[in-house]
Amino acid sequence: MISVDKEKCIGCGACVSVCEDVFEMKDGKAVVKKGKEKTKLPCVKEAVETCPVEAIKV
């Protein structure tokens, strides 16, 4: 299950830039697109590694 901690997220958009199939921006914060919570795309791992504040959990 993929989740974004809204308290930690700074809204930089790095996850969206590397994995737009799974992440999107809403109200200045990253969120996991509906129905994509269990996606196993390689870009999810890259998004986790790219997040500067470690707000993405898998």
PDB file of N, CA and C in Angstrom:
ATOM      1  N   MET A   1       0.846  -1.187   0.000  1.00  0.00           N
ATOM      2  CA  MET A   1       0.000   0.000   0.000  1.00  0.00           C
ATOM      3  C   MET A   1       0.890   1.249   0.000  1.00  0.00           C
ATOM      4  N   ILE A   2       0.617   2.159  -0.880  1.00  0.00           N
ATOM      5  CA  ILE A   2       1.384   3.406  -1.005  1.00  0.00           C
ATOM      6  C   ILE A   2       0.612   4.516  -0.317  1.00  0.00           C
ATOM      7  N   SER A   3       1.323   5.320   0.461  1.00  0.00           N
ATOM      8  CA  SER A   3       0.667   6.458   1.106  1.00  0.00           C
ATOM      9  C   SER A   3       1.629   7.638   1.171  1.00  0.00           C
ATOM     10  N   VAL A   4       1.051   8.833   1.267  1.00  0.00           N
ATOM     11  CA  VAL A   4       1.834  10.055   1.409  1.00  0.00           C
ATOM     12  C   VAL A   4       1.427  10.694   2.734  1.00  0.00           C
ATOM     13  N   ASP A   5       2.408  10.958   3.585  1.00  0.00           N
ATOM     14  CA  ASP A   5       2.163  11.621   4.865  1.00  0.00           C
ATOM     15  C   ASP A   5       1.978  13.112   4.598  1.00  0.00           C
ATOM     16  N   LYS A   6       0.748  13.592   4.720  1.00  0.00           N
ATOM     17  CA  LYS A   6       0.450  14.987   4.400  1.00  0.00           C
ATOM     18  C   LYS A   6       1.138  15.967   5.343  1.00  0.00           C
ATOM     19  N   GLU A   7       1.454  15.517   6.553  1.00  0.00           N
ATOM     20  CA  GLU A   7       2.154  16.382   7.502  1.00  0.00           C
ATOM     21  C   GLU A   7       3.604  16.611   7.054  1.00  0.00           C
ATOM     22  N   LYS A   8       4.220  15.571   6.512  1.00  0.00           N
ATOM     23  CA  LYS A   8       5.616  15.673   6.062  1.00  0.00           C
ATOM     24  C   LYS A   8       5.757  16.299   4.675  1.00  0.00           C
ATOM     25  N   CYS A   9       4.781  16.057   3.800  1.00  0.00           N
ATOM     26  CA  CYS A   9       4.866  16.497   2.409  1.00  0.00           C
ATOM     27  C   CYS A   9       5.009  18.019   2.328  1.00  0.00           C
ATOM     28  N   ILE A  10       6.002  18.455   1.532  1.00  0.00           N
ATOM     29  CA  ILE A  10       6.223  19.892   1.344  1.00  0.00           C
ATOM     30  C   ILE A  10       5.717  20.369  -0.012  1.00  0.00           C
ATOM     31  N   GLY A  11       5.135  19.462  -0.775  1.00  0.00           N
ATOM     32  CA  GLY A  11       4.544  19.832  -2.056  1.00  0.00           C
ATOM     33  C   GLY A  11       5.534  20.160  -3.153  1.00  0.00           C
ATOM     34  N   CYS A  12       6.701  19.543  -3.114  1.00  0.00           N
ATOM     35  CA  CYS A  12       7.731  19.844  -4.113  1.00  0.00           C
ATOM     36  C   CYS A  12       7.406  19.259  -5.487  1.00  0.00           C
ATOM     37  N   GLY A  13       6.585  18.197  -5.522  1.00  0.00           N
ATOM     38  CA  GLY A  13       6.192  17.593  -6.791  1.00  0.00           C
ATOM     39  C   GLY A  13       7.190  16.620  -7.381  1.00  0.00           C
ATOM     40  N   ALA A  14       8.230  16.280  -6.643  1.00  0.00           N
ATOM     41  CA  ALA A  14       9.239  15.355  -7.164  1.00  0.00           C
ATOM     42  C   ALA A  14       8.632  13.999  -7.489  1.00  0.00           C
ATOM     43  N   CYS A  15       7.746  13.511  -6.641  1.00  0.00           N
ATOM     44  CA  CYS A  15       7.135  12.196  -6.884  1.00  0.00           C
ATOM     45  C   CYS A  15       6.275  12.212  -8.143  1.00  0.00           C
ATOM     46  N   VAL A  16       5.579  13.312  -8.366  1.00  0.00           N
ATOM     47  CA  VAL A  16       4.741  13.433  -9.563  1.00  0.00           C
ATOM     48  C   VAL A  16       5.620  13.457 -10.809  1.00  0.00           C
ATOM     49  N   SER A  17       6.742  14.132 -10.730  1.00  0.00           N
ATOM     50  CA  SER A  17       7.607  14.228 -11.906  1.00  0.00           C
ATOM     51  C   SER A  17       8.222  12.888 -12.296  1.00  0.00           C
ATOM     52  N   VAL A  18       8.450  11.995 -11.325  1.00  0.00           N
ATOM     53  CA  VAL A  18       9.038  10.693 -11.658  1.00  0.00           C
ATOM     54  C   VAL A  18       7.999   9.583 -11.788  1.00  0.00           C
ATOM     55  N   CYS A  19       6.773   9.811 -11.277  1.00  0.00           N
ATOM     56  CA  CYS A  19       5.769   8.750 -11.306  1.00  0.00           C
ATOM     57  C   CYS A  19       4.357   9.334 -11.392  1.00  0.00           C
ATOM     58  N   GLU A  20       4.076  10.001 -12.492  1.00  0.00           N
ATOM     59  CA  GLU A  20       2.779  10.675 -12.635  1.00  0.00           C
ATOM     60  C   GLU A  20       1.610   9.706 -12.801  1.00  0.00           C
ATOM     61  N   ASP A  21       1.887   8.436 -13.072  1.00  0.00           N
ATOM     62  CA  ASP A  21       0.811   7.456 -13.167  1.00  0.00           C
ATOM     63  C   ASP A  21       0.207   7.154 -11.792  1.00  0.00           C
ATOM     64  N   VAL A  22       0.986   7.376 -10.730  1.00  0.00           N
ATOM     65  CA  VAL A  22       0.551   7.025  -9.381  1.00  0.00           C
ATOM     66  C   VAL A  22       0.271   8.255  -8.509  1.00  0.00           C
ATOM     67  N   PHE A  23       1.078   9.302  -8.660  1.00  0.00           N
ATOM     68  CA  PHE A  23       0.951  10.477  -7.791  1.00  0.00           C
ATOM     69  C   PHE A  23       0.397  11.682  -8.536  1.00  0.00           C
ATOM     70  N   GLU A  24      -0.301  12.545  -7.783  1.00  0.00           N
ATOM     71  CA  GLU A  24      -0.779  13.814  -8.326  1.00  0.00           C
ATOM     72  C   GLU A  24      -0.771  14.843  -7.196  1.00  0.00           C
ATOM     73  N   MET A  25      -0.849  16.107  -7.559  1.00  0.00           N
ATOM     74  CA  MET A  25      -0.877  17.178  -6.573  1.00  0.00           C
ATOM     75  C   MET A  25      -2.317  17.601  -6.328  1.00  0.00           C
ATOM     76  N   LYS A  26      -2.677  17.761  -5.057  1.00  0.00           N
ATOM     77  CA  LYS A  26      -3.990  18.273  -4.666  1.00  0.00           C
ATOM     78  C   LYS A  26      -3.796  19.206  -3.489  1.00  0.00           C
ATOM     79  N   ASP A  27      -4.300  20.413  -3.632  1.00  0.00           N
ATOM     80  CA  ASP A  27      -4.198  21.414  -2.561  1.00  0.00           C
ATOM     81  C   ASP A  27      -2.755  21.619  -2.102  1.00  0.00           C
ATOM     82  N   GLY A  28      -1.813  21.578  -3.053  1.00  0.00           N
ATOM     83  CA  GLY A  28      -0.414  21.843  -2.735  1.00  0.00           C
ATOM     84  C   GLY A  28       0.345  20.688  -2.111  1.00  0.00           C
ATOM     85  N   LYS A  29      -0.268  19.517  -2.053  1.00  0.00           N
ATOM     86  CA  LYS A  29       0.379  18.333  -1.480  1.00  0.00           C
ATOM     87  C   LYS A  29       0.250  17.168  -2.451  1.00  0.00           C
ATOM     88  N   ALA A  30       1.185  16.243  -2.368  1.00  0.00           N
ATOM     89  CA  ALA A  30       1.119  15.048  -3.202  1.00  0.00           C
ATOM     90  C   ALA A  30       0.124  14.065  -2.605  1.00  0.00           C
ATOM     91  N   VAL A  31      -0.593  13.377  -3.476  1.00  0.00           N
ATOM     92  CA  VAL A  31      -1.510  12.313  -3.057  1.00  0.00           C
ATOM     93  C   VAL A  31      -1.380  11.151  -4.036  1.00  0.00           C
ATOM     94  N   VAL A  32      -1.771   9.972  -3.575  1.00  0.00           N
ATOM     95  CA  VAL A  32      -1.797   8.798  -4.432  1.00  0.00           C
ATOM     96  C   VAL A  32      -3.131   8.822  -5.175  1.00  0.00           C
ATOM     97  N   LYS A  33      -3.075   8.658  -6.489  1.00  0.00           N
ATOM     98  CA  LYS A  33      -4.297   8.655  -7.293  1.00  0.00           C
ATOM     99  C   LYS A  33      -5.207   7.513  -6.860  1.00  0.00           C
ATOM    100  N   LYS A  34      -6.514   7.747  -6.933  1.00  0.00           N
ATOM    101  CA  LYS A  34      -7.491   6.714  -6.572  1.00  0.00           C
ATOM    102  C   LYS A  34      -7.258   5.453  -7.387  1.00  0.00           C
ATOM    103  N   GLY A  35      -7.284   4.319  -6.706  1.00  0.00           N
ATOM    104  CA  GLY A  35      -7.116   3.034  -7.368  1.00  0.00           C
ATOM    105  C   GLY A  35      -5.664   2.645  -7.604  1.00  0.00           C
ATOM    106  N   LYS A  36      -4.725   3.514  -7.235  1.00  0.00           N
ATOM    107  CA  LYS A  36      -3.302   3.231  -7.472  1.00  0.00           C
ATOM    108  C   LYS A  36      -2.553   2.882  -6.184  1.00  0.00           C
ATOM    109  N   GLU A  37      -3.277   2.702  -5.069  1.00  0.00           N
ATOM    110  CA  GLU A  37      -2.648   2.478  -3.770  1.00  0.00           C
ATOM    111  C   GLU A  37      -1.799   1.211  -3.700  1.00  0.00           C
ATOM    112  N   LYS A  38      -2.102   0.243  -4.561  1.00  0.00           N
ATOM    113  CA  LYS A  38      -1.376  -1.026  -4.528  1.00  0.00           C
ATOM    114  C   LYS A  38      -0.520  -1.241  -5.774  1.00  0.00           C
ATOM    115  N   THR A  39      -0.264  -0.184  -6.513  1.00  0.00           N
ATOM    116  CA  THR A  39       0.527  -0.269  -7.739  1.00  0.00           C
ATOM    117  C   THR A  39       1.966  -0.667  -7.433  1.00  0.00           C
ATOM    118  N   LYS A  40       2.519  -1.514  -8.272  1.00  0.00           N
ATOM    119  CA  LYS A  40       3.899  -1.959  -8.084  1.00  0.00           C
ATOM    120  C   LYS A  40       4.807  -1.493  -9.227  1.00  0.00           C
ATOM    121  N   LEU A  41       4.542  -0.328  -9.771  1.00  0.00           N
ATOM    122  CA  LEU A  41       5.376   0.195 -10.851  1.00  0.00           C
ATOM    123  C   LEU A  41       6.772   0.539 -10.317  1.00  0.00           C
ATOM    124  N   PRO A  42       7.812   0.347 -11.141  1.00  0.00           N
ATOM    125  CA  PRO A  42       9.178   0.687 -10.717  1.00  0.00           C
ATOM    126  C   PRO A  42       9.331   2.156 -10.319  1.00  0.00           C
ATOM    127  N   CYS A  43       8.527   3.029 -10.912  1.00  0.00           N
ATOM    128  CA  CYS A  43       8.676   4.449 -10.607  1.00  0.00           C
ATOM    129  C   CYS A  43       8.258   4.783  -9.175  1.00  0.00           C
ATOM    130  N   VAL A  44       7.476   3.909  -8.524  1.00  0.00           N
ATOM    131  CA  VAL A  44       7.088   4.160  -7.129  1.00  0.00           C
ATOM    132  C   VAL A  44       8.328   4.143  -6.241  1.00  0.00           C
ATOM    133  N   LYS A  45       9.192   3.165  -6.458  1.00  0.00           N
ATOM    134  CA  LYS A  45      10.449   3.086  -5.683  1.00  0.00           C
ATOM    135  C   LYS A  45      11.288   4.334  -5.922  1.00  0.00           C
ATOM    136  N   GLU A  46      11.334   4.775  -7.159  1.00  0.00           N
ATOM    137  CA  GLU A  46      12.089   5.980  -7.495  1.00  0.00           C
ATOM    138  C   GLU A  46      11.486   7.208  -6.799  1.00  0.00           C
ATOM    139  N   ALA A  47      10.165   7.270  -6.739  1.00  0.00           N
ATOM    140  CA  ALA A  47       9.499   8.389  -6.066  1.00  0.00           C
ATOM    141  C   ALA A  47       9.830   8.399  -4.579  1.00  0.00           C
ATOM    142  N   VAL A  48       9.840   7.220  -3.956  1.00  0.00           N
ATOM    143  CA  VAL A  48      10.193   7.111  -2.536  1.00  0.00           C
ATOM    144  C   VAL A  48      11.609   7.647  -2.312  1.00  0.00           C
ATOM    145  N   GLU A  49      12.529   7.252  -3.186  1.00  0.00           N
ATOM    146  CA  GLU A  49      13.920   7.674  -3.057  1.00  0.00           C
ATOM    147  C   GLU A  49      14.107   9.165  -3.377  1.00  0.00           C
ATOM    148  N   THR A  50      13.240   9.713  -4.215  1.00  0.00           N
ATOM    149  CA  THR A  50      13.351  11.112  -4.642  1.00  0.00           C
ATOM    150  C   THR A  50      12.772  12.082  -3.614  1.00  0.00           C
ATOM    151  N   CYS A  51      11.822  11.633  -2.819  1.00  0.00           N
ATOM    152  CA  CYS A  51      11.147  12.526  -1.862  1.00  0.00           C
ATOM    153  C   CYS A  51      12.152  13.070  -0.847  1.00  0.00           C
ATOM    154  N   PRO A  52      12.329  14.406  -0.808  1.00  0.00           N
ATOM    155  CA  PRO A  52      13.345  14.986   0.082  1.00  0.00           C
ATOM    156  C   PRO A  52      12.989  14.924   1.569  1.00  0.00           C
ATOM    157  N   VAL A  53      11.726  14.673   1.879  1.00  0.00           N
ATOM    158  CA  VAL A  53      11.314  14.650   3.291  1.00  0.00           C
ATOM    159  C   VAL A  53      10.783  13.278   3.725  1.00  0.00           C
ATOM    160  N   GLU A  54      10.991  12.268   2.879  1.00  0.00           N
ATOM    161  CA  GLU A  54      10.604  10.891   3.164  1.00  0.00           C
ATOM    162  C   GLU A  54       9.127  10.781   3.562  1.00  0.00           C
ATOM    163  N   ALA A  55       8.257  11.431   2.788  1.00  0.00           N
ATOM    164  CA  ALA A  55       6.831  11.438   3.090  1.00  0.00           C
ATOM    165  C   ALA A  55       6.075  10.269   2.467  1.00  0.00           C
ATOM    166  N   ILE A  56       6.725   9.514   1.569  1.00  0.00           N
ATOM    167  CA  ILE A  56       6.058   8.408   0.883  1.00  0.00           C
ATOM    168  C   ILE A  56       6.415   7.091   1.547  1.00  0.00           C
ATOM    169  N   LYS A  57       5.394   6.317   1.845  1.00  0.00           N
ATOM    170  CA  LYS A  57       5.591   4.997   2.453  1.00  0.00           C
ATOM    171  C   LYS A  57       4.970   3.935   1.564  1.00  0.00           C
ATOM    172  N   VAL A  58       5.646   2.787   1.466  1.00  0.00           N
ATOM    173  CA  VAL A  58       5.126   1.666   0.688  1.00  0.00           C
ATOM    174  C   VAL A  58       4.994   0.474   1.618  1.00  0.00           C
TER     175      VAL A  58
END
